[in-house]
Each structure stands twice: as C-alpha cells, then as structure tokens.
C-alpha cells in the first residue's frame, strides 16, 4: 500500500514536472537564440545596418517577452488542472 501511494503521489505531480521541464527547455532555446542573435547583430551592425540590427533585436524582445511570460503562466495553470484529474 505504501508503494502504491508513492506512485499515486508521483503521478499527481507528473503534469507539473513535465510543464517545468518544457519551460526550462524553452527558456534554454530562447537564450541560445538570443546569443545567436547578439552574435549576428554584432557582425552585421556596421554603418547603415546599425539601426536595422538594433531594431531587429528590439523586435525580438518585444515579440517574445510578453508572449513567453503569458505562455509560461498558462502552461503552469494547465498542468495544475491536469494534476487535479488524478
């Protein structure tokens, strides 16, 4: 019975732990892309391309910052609802 309760508890937290893993992977991916973008901007940001390169970097932050925070919250809320089903 003790072993069954252990698996039941682990199962209840399965969606939450998967959501946390997905969030970590996505944050790593976004960080890698941001580093690549920084390198690319530094290479191309010379002369007339300066403003365009900085504009693209600003666009990246504007596009993904709010969306990522919202998606992260939604993923956590959804995973909690899934965990309650067990």
N, C-alpha and C. Protein backbone atom coordinates (compact mmCIF):
# COMPACT_ATOMS: atom_id res chain seq x y z
N UNK A 1 0.82 -1.20 0.00
CA UNK A 1 0.00 0.00 0.00
C UNK A 1 0.87 1.26 0.00
N UNK A 2 1.97 1.23 0.72
CA UNK A 2 2.86 2.38 0.77
C UNK A 2 3.43 2.67 -0.63
N UNK A 3 3.81 1.61 -1.33
CA UNK A 3 4.38 1.77 -2.67
C UNK A 3 3.32 2.34 -3.62
N UNK A 4 2.08 1.90 -3.50
CA UNK A 4 1.00 2.41 -4.33
C UNK A 4 0.81 3.90 -4.10
N UNK A 5 0.80 4.33 -2.84
CA UNK A 5 0.64 5.74 -2.52
C UNK A 5 1.78 6.58 -3.09
N UNK A 6 2.99 6.00 -3.07
CA UNK A 6 4.15 6.69 -3.64
C UNK A 6 3.94 6.95 -5.12
N UNK A 7 3.49 5.93 -5.86
CA UNK A 7 3.26 6.10 -7.30
C UNK A 7 2.09 7.04 -7.58
N UNK A 8 1.08 7.01 -6.74
CA UNK A 8 -0.05 7.90 -6.91
C UNK A 8 0.39 9.35 -6.73
N UNK A 9 1.21 9.61 -5.72
CA UNK A 9 1.72 10.96 -5.49
C UNK A 9 2.60 11.40 -6.65
N UNK A 10 3.47 10.52 -7.12
CA UNK A 10 4.32 10.85 -8.27
C UNK A 10 3.48 11.13 -9.51
N UNK A 11 2.42 10.37 -9.69
CA UNK A 11 1.56 10.56 -10.84
C UNK A 11 0.82 11.88 -10.80
N UNK A 12 0.45 12.32 -9.63
CA UNK A 12 -0.26 13.59 -9.50
C UNK A 12 0.62 14.76 -9.90
N UNK A 13 1.90 14.64 -9.68
CA UNK A 13 2.82 15.72 -9.98
C UNK A 13 3.45 15.59 -11.37
N UNK A 14 3.01 14.61 -12.12
CA UNK A 14 3.61 14.33 -13.43
C UNK A 14 3.43 15.50 -14.40
N UNK A 15 2.24 16.04 -14.49
CA UNK A 15 1.99 17.16 -15.42
C UNK A 15 2.79 18.39 -15.00
N UNK A 16 2.86 18.66 -13.73
CA UNK A 16 3.61 19.82 -13.26
C UNK A 16 5.09 19.67 -13.56
N UNK A 17 5.64 18.48 -13.33
CA UNK A 17 7.06 18.30 -13.59
C UNK A 17 7.35 18.36 -15.10
N UNK A 18 6.43 17.85 -15.92
CA UNK A 18 6.60 17.96 -17.37
C UNK A 18 6.51 19.41 -17.82
N UNK A 19 5.61 20.17 -17.23
CA UNK A 19 5.49 21.59 -17.57
C UNK A 19 6.77 22.33 -17.19
N UNK A 20 7.32 22.03 -16.01
CA UNK A 20 8.57 22.67 -15.59
C UNK A 20 9.70 22.32 -16.55
N UNK A 21 9.77 21.07 -16.98
CA UNK A 21 10.81 20.65 -17.93
C UNK A 21 10.65 21.37 -19.27
N UNK A 22 9.41 21.49 -19.73
CA UNK A 22 9.15 22.18 -21.00
C UNK A 22 9.53 23.65 -20.90
N UNK A 23 9.23 24.26 -19.78
CA UNK A 23 9.57 25.67 -19.56
C UNK A 23 11.09 25.85 -19.57
N UNK A 24 11.80 24.96 -18.89
CA UNK A 24 13.26 25.05 -18.86
C UNK A 24 13.85 24.88 -20.25
N UNK A 25 13.34 23.90 -21.02
CA UNK A 25 13.86 23.69 -22.38
C UNK A 25 13.59 24.90 -23.27
N UNK A 26 12.40 25.47 -23.15
CA UNK A 26 12.07 26.63 -23.98
C UNK A 26 12.91 27.83 -23.58
N UNK A 27 13.14 28.02 -22.29
CA UNK A 27 13.99 29.12 -21.85
C UNK A 27 15.42 28.94 -22.35
N UNK A 28 15.91 27.71 -22.33
CA UNK A 28 17.25 27.43 -22.87
C UNK A 28 17.30 27.73 -24.37
N UNK A 29 16.27 27.32 -25.08
CA UNK A 29 16.21 27.56 -26.52
C UNK A 29 16.17 29.06 -26.82
N UNK A 30 15.36 29.80 -26.09
CA UNK A 30 15.29 31.25 -26.30
C UNK A 30 16.62 31.92 -25.95
N UNK A 31 17.29 31.45 -24.91
CA UNK A 31 18.59 32.00 -24.54
C UNK A 31 19.63 31.72 -25.62
N UNK A 32 19.60 30.50 -26.18
CA UNK A 32 20.51 30.17 -27.27
C UNK A 32 20.25 31.06 -28.49
N UNK A 33 18.98 31.26 -28.80
CA UNK A 33 18.64 32.10 -29.93
C UNK A 33 19.07 33.55 -29.68
N UNK A 34 18.90 34.00 -28.45
CA UNK A 34 19.30 35.36 -28.10
C UNK A 34 20.82 35.54 -28.25
N UNK A 35 21.61 34.54 -27.84
CA UNK A 35 23.05 34.61 -28.01
C UNK A 35 23.42 34.62 -29.50
N UNK A 36 22.75 33.77 -30.28
CA UNK A 36 22.99 33.76 -31.72
C UNK A 36 22.64 35.11 -32.33
N UNK A 37 21.53 35.69 -31.90
CA UNK A 37 21.10 36.99 -32.40
C UNK A 37 22.11 38.06 -32.05
N UNK A 38 22.63 38.04 -30.81
CA UNK A 38 23.66 39.00 -30.41
C UNK A 38 24.89 38.91 -31.30
N UNK A 39 25.34 37.68 -31.55
CA UNK A 39 26.50 37.48 -32.41
C UNK A 39 26.23 37.99 -33.83
N UNK A 40 25.06 37.67 -34.34
CA UNK A 40 24.70 38.09 -35.69
C UNK A 40 24.60 39.61 -35.79
N UNK A 41 24.01 40.24 -34.78
CA UNK A 41 23.87 41.70 -34.76
C UNK A 41 25.24 42.35 -34.71
N UNK A 42 26.14 41.81 -33.90
CA UNK A 42 27.48 42.38 -33.80
C UNK A 42 28.23 42.29 -35.14
N UNK A 43 28.03 41.18 -35.86
CA UNK A 43 28.71 41.01 -37.15
C UNK A 43 28.17 41.95 -38.21
N UNK A 44 26.85 42.18 -38.19
CA UNK A 44 26.23 42.96 -39.26
C UNK A 44 25.98 44.41 -38.89
N UNK A 45 26.17 44.77 -37.64
CA UNK A 45 25.89 46.14 -37.20
C UNK A 45 27.07 47.05 -37.50
N UNK A 46 27.23 47.35 -38.75
CA UNK A 46 28.27 48.29 -39.15
C UNK A 46 27.68 49.28 -40.13
N UNK A 47 27.95 50.53 -39.89
CA UNK A 47 27.49 51.58 -40.80
C UNK A 47 25.98 51.68 -40.87
N UNK A 48 25.43 51.60 -42.09
CA UNK A 48 23.99 51.79 -42.27
C UNK A 48 23.14 50.66 -41.67
N UNK A 49 23.76 49.52 -41.38
CA UNK A 49 23.00 48.41 -40.80
C UNK A 49 22.81 48.52 -39.29
N UNK A 50 23.46 49.48 -38.64
CA UNK A 50 23.36 49.63 -37.18
C UNK A 50 21.92 49.73 -36.71
N UNK A 51 21.18 50.65 -37.29
CA UNK A 51 19.81 50.88 -36.84
C UNK A 51 18.93 49.66 -37.11
N UNK A 52 19.10 49.05 -38.27
CA UNK A 52 18.30 47.88 -38.62
C UNK A 52 18.59 46.73 -37.67
N UNK A 53 19.86 46.49 -37.37
CA UNK A 53 20.23 45.39 -36.47
C UNK A 53 19.68 45.62 -35.07
N UNK A 54 19.79 46.83 -34.57
CA UNK A 54 19.26 47.13 -33.23
C UNK A 54 17.74 47.06 -33.22
N UNK A 55 17.13 47.45 -34.32
CA UNK A 55 15.67 47.37 -34.43
C UNK A 55 15.21 45.91 -34.40
N UNK A 56 15.94 45.04 -35.09
CA UNK A 56 15.58 43.62 -35.09
C UNK A 56 15.71 43.02 -33.70
N UNK A 57 16.73 43.42 -32.97
CA UNK A 57 16.90 42.90 -31.61
C UNK A 57 15.77 43.39 -30.71
N UNK A 58 15.40 44.65 -30.85
CA UNK A 58 14.27 45.20 -30.08
C UNK A 58 12.98 44.48 -30.43
N UNK A 59 12.80 44.17 -31.72
CA UNK A 59 11.61 43.42 -32.16
C UNK A 59 11.56 42.05 -31.49
N UNK A 60 12.71 41.39 -31.41
CA UNK A 60 12.78 40.07 -30.77
C UNK A 60 12.28 40.15 -29.33
N UNK A 61 12.79 41.10 -28.57
CA UNK A 61 12.38 41.24 -27.18
C UNK A 61 10.90 41.58 -27.06
N UNK A 62 10.44 42.49 -27.91
CA UNK A 62 9.04 42.90 -27.85
C UNK A 62 8.11 41.74 -28.19
N UNK A 63 8.49 40.95 -29.20
CA UNK A 63 7.63 39.85 -29.65
C UNK A 63 7.56 38.71 -28.65
N UNK A 64 8.69 38.36 -28.05
CA UNK A 64 8.73 37.13 -27.26
C UNK A 64 8.59 37.34 -25.76
N UNK A 65 8.91 38.53 -25.26
CA UNK A 65 8.87 38.75 -23.81
C UNK A 65 7.48 38.53 -23.23
N UNK A 66 6.51 39.26 -23.71
CA UNK A 66 5.16 39.15 -23.16
C UNK A 66 4.54 37.80 -23.47
N UNK A 67 4.74 37.34 -24.70
CA UNK A 67 4.15 36.06 -25.09
C UNK A 67 4.71 34.91 -24.26
N UNK A 68 6.01 34.94 -24.00
CA UNK A 68 6.62 33.85 -23.24
C UNK A 68 6.13 33.86 -21.80
N UNK A 69 6.05 35.04 -21.18
CA UNK A 69 5.54 35.10 -19.81
C UNK A 69 4.10 34.59 -19.73
N UNK A 70 3.29 34.97 -20.69
CA UNK A 70 1.90 34.53 -20.72
C UNK A 70 1.81 33.02 -20.95
N UNK A 71 2.60 32.50 -21.89
CA UNK A 71 2.57 31.07 -22.18
C UNK A 71 3.05 30.26 -20.98
N UNK A 72 4.05 30.76 -20.29
CA UNK A 72 4.58 30.07 -19.11
C UNK A 72 3.50 29.97 -18.02
N UNK A 73 2.80 31.07 -17.78
CA UNK A 73 1.73 31.07 -16.78
C UNK A 73 0.61 30.09 -17.18
N UNK A 74 0.23 30.13 -18.45
CA UNK A 74 -0.82 29.24 -18.93
C UNK A 74 -0.41 27.78 -18.81
N UNK A 75 0.84 27.47 -19.11
CA UNK A 75 1.33 26.10 -19.01
C UNK A 75 1.30 25.60 -17.57
N UNK A 76 1.66 26.45 -16.65
CA UNK A 76 1.64 26.08 -15.22
C UNK A 76 0.20 25.85 -14.76
N UNK A 77 -0.70 26.76 -15.12
CA UNK A 77 -2.11 26.62 -14.73
C UNK A 77 -2.71 25.35 -15.32
N UNK A 78 -2.45 25.11 -16.60
CA UNK A 78 -2.97 23.92 -17.26
C UNK A 78 -2.44 22.64 -16.63
N UNK A 79 -1.15 22.62 -16.30
CA UNK A 79 -0.57 21.41 -15.70
C UNK A 79 -1.16 21.15 -14.31
N UNK A 80 -1.46 22.20 -13.57
CA UNK A 80 -2.09 22.02 -12.26
C UNK A 80 -3.48 21.41 -12.41
N UNK A 81 -4.21 21.86 -13.43
CA UNK A 81 -5.54 21.30 -13.67
C UNK A 81 -5.44 19.83 -14.05
N UNK A 82 -4.43 19.49 -14.86
CA UNK A 82 -4.22 18.09 -15.21
C UNK A 82 -3.88 17.24 -13.99
N UNK A 83 -3.05 17.79 -13.12
CA UNK A 83 -2.67 17.05 -11.91
C UNK A 83 -3.88 16.80 -11.01
N UNK A 84 -4.84 17.71 -11.03
CA UNK A 84 -6.04 17.54 -10.18
C UNK A 84 -6.96 16.42 -10.69
N UNK A 85 -6.81 16.07 -11.94
CA UNK A 85 -7.65 15.00 -12.51
C UNK A 85 -7.33 13.65 -11.90
N UNK A 86 -6.09 13.46 -11.47
CA UNK A 86 -5.68 12.15 -10.92
C UNK A 86 -6.30 11.88 -9.59
